[in-house]
Protein backbone atom coordinates (compact mmCIF):
# COMPACT_ATOMS: atom_id res chain seq x y z
CA UNK A 1 9.44 62.35 54.60
CA UNK A 2 8.28 59.07 52.52
CA UNK A 3 6.19 57.86 50.43
CA UNK A 4 4.12 54.84 48.90
CA UNK A 5 1.06 53.52 47.96
CA UNK A 6 0.25 49.80 49.01
CA UNK A 7 -3.51 48.19 49.13
CA UNK A 8 -5.10 51.48 47.89
CA UNK A 9 -3.48 53.74 50.44
CA UNK A 10 -1.32 56.57 50.14
CA UNK A 11 1.39 56.48 53.01
CA UNK A 12 3.00 59.40 54.12
CA UNK A 13 5.50 58.87 56.49
CA UNK A 14 6.97 61.59 58.35
CA UNK A 15 9.65 62.38 61.68
CA UNK A 16 6.85 62.22 64.02
CA UNK A 17 3.76 60.93 62.66
CA UNK A 18 2.34 58.46 59.71
CA UNK A 19 -0.76 59.73 57.81
CA UNK A 20 -2.64 57.09 56.04
CA UNK A 21 -4.61 58.24 52.95
CA UNK A 22 -7.35 55.76 50.73
CA UNK A 23 -6.65 57.08 47.41
CA UNK A 24 -10.22 56.97 46.72
CA UNK A 25 -11.05 59.10 48.91
CA UNK A 26 -8.61 61.87 47.41
CA UNK A 27 -10.30 64.57 45.23
CA UNK A 28 -7.44 66.20 43.89
CA UNK A 29 -3.57 67.55 44.95
CA UNK A 30 -2.42 71.24 44.52
CA UNK A 31 0.29 73.09 44.90
CA UNK A 32 0.03 76.37 45.90
CA UNK A 33 3.01 78.29 46.57
CA UNK A 34 5.45 75.80 48.28
CA UNK A 35 2.90 73.67 49.69
CA UNK A 36 1.96 70.84 48.43
CA UNK A 37 -1.84 70.04 49.35
CA UNK A 38 -4.04 66.71 49.19
CA UNK A 39 -7.60 67.60 49.29
CA UNK A 40 -9.83 64.65 50.51
CA UNK A 41 -12.88 64.27 51.60
CA UNK A 42 -12.29 64.95 55.31
CA UNK A 43 -9.23 66.52 55.07
CA UNK A 44 -6.12 68.33 53.81
CA UNK A 45 -2.60 67.34 54.04
CA UNK A 46 0.35 69.82 53.75
CA UNK A 47 2.98 67.46 51.62
CA UNK A 48 6.68 68.09 51.20
CA UNK A 49 6.24 66.48 47.55
CA UNK A 50 6.29 67.78 44.24
CA UNK A 51 3.01 67.16 42.03
CA UNK A 52 5.44 65.07 39.72
CA UNK A 53 6.50 62.85 42.83
CA UNK A 54 2.84 61.90 43.26
CA UNK A 55 1.91 61.80 39.67
CA UNK A 56 4.09 59.07 39.65
CA UNK A 57 2.72 57.13 42.47
CA UNK A 58 -0.66 57.19 41.96
CA UNK A 59 -3.31 55.15 39.43
CA UNK A 60 -4.54 55.88 36.81
CA UNK A 61 -7.83 57.31 37.56
CA UNK A 62 -5.60 60.40 38.76
CA UNK A 63 -4.06 63.06 36.14
CA UNK A 64 -2.44 66.07 35.86
CA UNK A 65 -4.50 68.81 34.21
CA UNK A 66 -2.76 71.98 35.09
CA UNK A 67 0.67 72.58 36.36
CA UNK A 68 -0.92 73.12 39.96
CA UNK A 69 -2.78 70.23 39.87
CA UNK A 70 -3.94 66.30 40.09
CA UNK A 71 -7.14 65.53 39.53
CA UNK A 72 -9.15 62.20 40.56
CA UNK A 73 -10.88 61.51 37.16
CA UNK A 74 -13.89 59.29 39.04
CA UNK A 75 -14.98 62.53 41.54
CA UNK A 76 -15.29 64.91 38.86
CA UNK A 77 -19.18 66.49 38.70
CA UNK A 78 -19.07 69.13 36.46
CA UNK A 79 -16.45 71.24 34.23
CA UNK A 80 -16.74 75.00 33.27
CA UNK A 81 -15.48 76.95 30.80
CA UNK A 82 -13.46 80.19 32.63
CA UNK A 83 -11.87 81.91 29.61
CA UNK A 84 -10.26 80.70 26.21
CA UNK A 85 -7.72 78.83 28.31
CA UNK A 86 -8.99 77.74 31.38
CA UNK A 87 -11.63 75.62 32.98
CA UNK A 88 -12.70 75.05 36.45
CA UNK A 89 -13.53 71.26 37.84
CA UNK A 90 -16.12 70.94 40.20
CA UNK A 91 -16.20 67.58 42.26
CA UNK A 92 -19.00 65.65 44.65
CA UNK A 93 -18.76 66.74 47.87
CA UNK A 94 -16.28 69.50 47.68
CA UNK A 95 -16.55 73.16 47.87
CA UNK A 96 -13.36 74.06 46.28
CA UNK A 97 -12.45 73.92 42.32
CA UNK A 98 -9.66 72.72 40.73
CA UNK A 99 -8.48 74.02 36.99
CA UNK A 100 -7.19 72.68 33.89
CA UNK A 101 -5.81 74.40 30.56
CA UNK A 102 -6.90 74.11 27.29
CA UNK A 103 -4.71 71.71 26.00
CA UNK A 104 -5.48 69.22 28.75
CA UNK A 105 -9.81 68.92 27.82
CA UNK A 106 -9.33 66.88 25.17
CA UNK A 107 -7.41 64.15 27.61
CA UNK A 108 -9.84 64.70 30.00
CA UNK A 109 -13.12 64.61 27.81
CA UNK A 110 -11.62 61.25 26.30
CA UNK A 111 -10.62 59.65 29.70
CA UNK A 112 -14.38 60.15 30.80
CA UNK A 113 -15.74 58.38 27.57
CA UNK A 114 -13.22 55.34 28.24
CA UNK A 115 -14.84 55.48 31.92
CA UNK A 116 -18.02 55.13 31.00
């Protein structure tokens, strides 16, 4: 499996197929057990890459906010405090949430302020 970004598209080459995912449609990326799932508006893709691999390829509006999540800062709808160490992020047009840890709240808040 080969991965690269060209013209704002994440291109994943597999043995039998090629997936082309517009980067602006990626809501978040999640590590779940041994799978890495790319969540988009229309579909989820399972890939054989680490979050670190993907983090290095994606543009700056994607941040690693938790050991299991990379989020698209442009699609955040709301952030909620779950407990003293963990927060939940809700996204526009997505039923599933992502998590981020307390240590990253300042980074996310700062980047959100820069965006606005």
